[in-house]
Amino acid sequence: MKKEYDDDDGRTITEMNLDGMPFYEKEEIREHNKGIKKVKVSKKERQAMVRAAYLAMLPKFLITLGSFCLVALLIWLWLK
């Protein structure tokens, strides 16, 4: 038995679909993606791409790590 609510008028306030999910893809996007060719990448090229991605993330990681270390040092000095 389905519950009926007095305040429900049937309108949708916001869509609950997630963009990029396979069940939500629009027909135009599916047709466009069929025409895209898969890129063949060698093992050496793939390793170079992964290494470049890690090098791009390294400065942010080091800044974050340094910030945590600085906060830990300040807390240690404060509570000493």
Protein backbone atom coordinates (compact mmCIF):
# COMPACT_ATOMS: atom_id res chain seq x y z
CA MET A 1 0.00 0.00 0.00
CA LYS A 2 1.46 3.35 -1.08
CA LYS A 3 1.41 6.16 1.45
CA GLU A 4 -0.26 9.39 0.46
CA TYR A 5 0.90 12.70 1.89
CA ASP A 6 -1.26 15.79 2.15
CA ASP A 7 1.58 18.17 1.32
CA ASP A 8 2.74 16.27 -1.80
CA ASP A 9 1.54 17.98 -4.96
CA GLY A 10 3.64 15.84 -7.33
CA ARG A 11 6.20 18.48 -8.29
CA THR A 12 9.89 17.64 -8.48
CA ILE A 13 11.99 20.18 -6.60
CA THR A 14 15.33 18.85 -7.79
CA GLU A 15 16.37 15.94 -9.96
CA MET A 16 18.10 13.17 -8.06
CA ASN A 17 19.90 11.82 -11.14
CA LEU A 18 23.70 11.88 -11.15
CA ASP A 19 25.47 13.16 -14.23
CA GLY A 20 27.83 10.60 -15.72
CA MET A 21 26.00 7.55 -14.42
CA PRO A 22 25.32 4.98 -17.16
CA PHE A 23 21.58 4.84 -16.45
CA TYR A 24 21.30 8.63 -16.81
CA GLU A 25 23.28 9.24 -20.02
CA LYS A 26 21.33 11.05 -22.67
CA GLU A 27 21.03 9.59 -26.15
CA GLU A 28 23.18 12.33 -27.73
CA ILE A 29 26.03 11.63 -25.32
CA ARG A 30 25.85 7.89 -25.96
CA GLU A 31 25.97 8.47 -29.72
CA HIS A 32 28.91 10.87 -29.35
CA ASN A 33 30.86 8.43 -27.15
CA LYS A 34 30.43 5.62 -29.70
CA GLY A 35 32.43 7.63 -32.24
CA ILE A 36 35.39 8.20 -29.91
CA LYS A 37 38.30 5.88 -30.57
CA LYS A 38 40.20 4.24 -27.73
CA VAL A 39 43.78 5.47 -27.51
CA LYS A 40 46.43 2.76 -27.54
CA VAL A 41 49.17 3.62 -25.04
CA SER A 42 52.35 1.64 -24.53
CA LYS A 43 53.52 0.59 -21.08
CA LYS A 44 56.34 3.15 -21.16
CA GLU A 45 53.98 5.99 -22.12
CA ARG A 46 51.52 4.96 -19.41
CA GLN A 47 54.29 4.98 -16.79
CA ALA A 48 55.37 8.43 -17.96
CA MET A 49 51.80 9.73 -17.65
CA VAL A 50 51.42 8.31 -14.14
CA ARG A 51 54.79 9.77 -13.11
CA ALA A 52 53.78 13.18 -14.50
CA ALA A 53 50.47 13.05 -12.61
CA TYR A 54 52.27 12.26 -9.34
CA LEU A 55 54.75 15.08 -9.96
CA ALA A 56 51.86 17.46 -10.55
CA MET A 57 50.29 16.45 -7.21
CA LEU A 58 53.58 16.50 -5.26
CA PRO A 59 53.66 20.24 -4.33
CA LYS A 60 50.13 20.18 -2.88
CA PHE A 61 50.93 17.00 -0.95
CA LEU A 62 54.13 18.47 0.48
CA ILE A 63 52.38 21.70 1.51
CA THR A 64 49.62 19.70 3.23
CA LEU A 65 52.13 17.43 4.97
CA GLY A 66 54.20 20.42 6.06
CA SER A 67 51.09 22.14 7.42
CA PHE A 68 50.18 19.10 9.50
CA CYS A 69 53.73 18.86 10.82
CA LEU A 70 53.74 22.57 11.70
CA VAL A 71 50.43 22.28 13.55
CA ALA A 72 51.67 19.18 15.41
CA LEU A 73 54.86 21.05 16.39
CA LEU A 74 52.88 24.07 17.60
CA ILE A 75 50.55 21.86 19.64
CA TRP A 76 53.53 20.01 21.13
CA LEU A 77 55.24 23.30 22.07
CA TRP A 78 52.03 24.74 23.49
CA LEU A 79 51.28 21.73 25.70
CA LYS A 80 54.86 21.21 26.81
